Protein backbone atom coordinates (compact mmCIF):
# COMPACT_ATOMS: atom_id res chain seq x y z
CA MET A 1 23.59 3.72 -194.33
CA PHE A 2 20.34 3.29 -196.02
CA SER A 3 18.46 3.69 -193.25
CA THR A 4 20.46 6.97 -192.59
CA LEU A 5 19.23 8.29 -195.95
CA SER A 6 15.93 7.26 -195.81
CA ALA A 7 15.37 8.62 -192.41
CA ALA A 8 16.81 11.75 -193.98
CA ALA A 9 14.31 11.51 -196.65
CA ILE A 10 11.35 11.55 -194.74
CA GLY A 11 12.83 14.46 -192.37
CA VAL A 12 13.28 16.12 -196.12
CA SER A 13 9.64 15.92 -196.75
CA PHE A 14 8.35 16.46 -193.45
CA GLY A 15 10.26 19.79 -192.73
CA ALA A 16 9.13 20.83 -196.64
CA ILE A 17 5.17 20.01 -195.71
CA ALA A 18 5.02 21.45 -192.47
CA VAL A 19 6.76 24.98 -194.11
CA ALA A 20 4.75 25.08 -196.74
CA SER A 21 1.87 24.33 -194.50
CA GLY A 22 2.65 27.34 -192.80
CA VAL A 23 4.28 25.67 -189.59
CA PRO A 24 6.83 27.93 -187.65
CA GLY A 25 10.29 26.10 -188.59
CA TRP A 26 11.13 25.79 -184.54
CA LEU A 27 7.62 23.77 -184.08
CA ALA A 28 8.25 21.61 -187.16
CA ILE A 29 11.59 20.96 -185.39
CA ALA A 30 10.33 20.29 -182.24
CA MET A 31 7.61 18.32 -183.81
CA SER A 32 10.76 15.85 -185.00
CA VAL A 33 12.30 15.70 -181.64
CA PHE A 34 9.38 14.47 -179.44
CA ILE A 35 6.72 12.83 -181.78
CA HIS A 36 8.07 9.59 -182.15
CA ALA A 37 5.50 7.79 -184.82
CA GLY A 38 6.40 9.70 -188.45
CA GLY A 39 2.67 9.34 -189.36
CA ALA A 40 1.51 11.22 -186.30
CA GLN A 41 3.75 13.95 -187.67
CA PHE A 42 2.57 14.30 -191.08
CA LEU A 43 -1.18 13.83 -189.70
CA SER A 44 -0.44 16.83 -187.02
CA VAL A 45 0.87 18.92 -189.41
CA GLY A 46 -2.45 18.28 -192.08
CA LEU A 47 -4.42 19.24 -189.00
CA LEU A 48 -3.00 22.04 -187.56
CA ALA A 49 -3.17 23.50 -191.33
CA VAL A 50 -6.68 23.57 -191.34
CA GLY A 51 -6.54 25.12 -187.83
CA ASN A 52 -7.73 22.15 -185.73
CA SER A 53 -5.45 21.83 -183.23
CA VAL A 54 -6.86 19.68 -180.98
CA ALA A 55 -7.60 17.08 -183.31
CA ALA A 56 -4.04 17.36 -184.34
CA VAL A 57 -3.08 16.43 -180.38
CA VAL A 58 -5.26 13.85 -180.22
CA GLY A 59 -4.68 12.24 -183.04
CA GLY A 60 -1.13 12.03 -182.72
CA LEU A 61 -1.24 10.38 -179.03
CA LEU A 62 -3.60 8.32 -181.23
CA LEU A 63 -0.66 6.98 -183.04
CA ASN A 64 1.79 7.20 -180.60
CA ALA A 65 -0.13 5.14 -177.76
CA PRO A 66 1.75 1.72 -179.21
CA VAL A 67 5.29 3.69 -178.52
CA ILE A 68 4.72 5.69 -175.33
CA CYS A 69 2.58 2.22 -173.85
CA PRO A 70 3.15 -1.05 -175.91
CA SER A 71 0.65 -2.71 -174.27
CA ALA A 72 -2.03 -0.41 -175.46
CA SER A 73 -2.06 -2.02 -178.94
CA PRO A 74 -4.03 -3.94 -179.86
CA PHE A 75 -1.24 -5.92 -181.74
CA THR A 76 0.15 -6.71 -178.67
CA THR A 77 1.36 -10.75 -178.60
CA PRO A 78 0.09 -12.44 -175.79
CA ARG A 79 1.42 -13.06 -172.94
CA ALA A 80 3.09 -16.26 -171.61
CA THR A 81 1.64 -17.79 -168.57
CA PRO A 82 3.32 -20.89 -166.22
CA GLY A 83 1.49 -24.04 -166.72
CA GLY A 84 2.26 -25.03 -170.20
CA ARG A 85 3.53 -28.06 -171.66
CA GLY A 86 7.36 -29.55 -170.29
CA SER A 87 6.36 -28.22 -166.85
CA GLN A 88 5.33 -31.89 -166.03
CA GLY A 89 9.03 -33.33 -165.93
CA ALA A 90 12.52 -31.56 -165.31
CA SER A 91 13.67 -29.58 -168.61
CA SER A 92 16.57 -28.23 -169.83
CA SER A 93 14.79 -25.19 -171.63
CA ALA A 94 13.48 -22.79 -169.01
CA THR A 95 10.96 -21.42 -171.90
CA SER A 96 9.16 -24.75 -172.78
CA ARG A 97 7.32 -24.56 -169.07
CA TRP A 98 5.55 -21.04 -170.38
CA ARG A 99 2.27 -21.72 -173.04
CA LEU A 100 0.51 -18.91 -174.69
CA ARG A 101 -2.69 -17.89 -173.36
């Protein structure tokens, strides 16, 4: 319930900022539906308000990159590779045969 209330509060604040910046209501709703990163919504509204639509699109894509393609994020976890400790003998745990690079 708390997360629903906080999401609603952020949505209302985004709508108010978008409409106050001159963004049409239908575009604010479309942005809420199609843009996954909340920061990208606020960035886009600010850039659209000053007339820089190209920077709004580029900034939105950069902020959504970890959502669209998680491997594009510089903060991804290392991949596991076979041959780590525990692969020498029989093990009851499959994860013990994997080590991090």
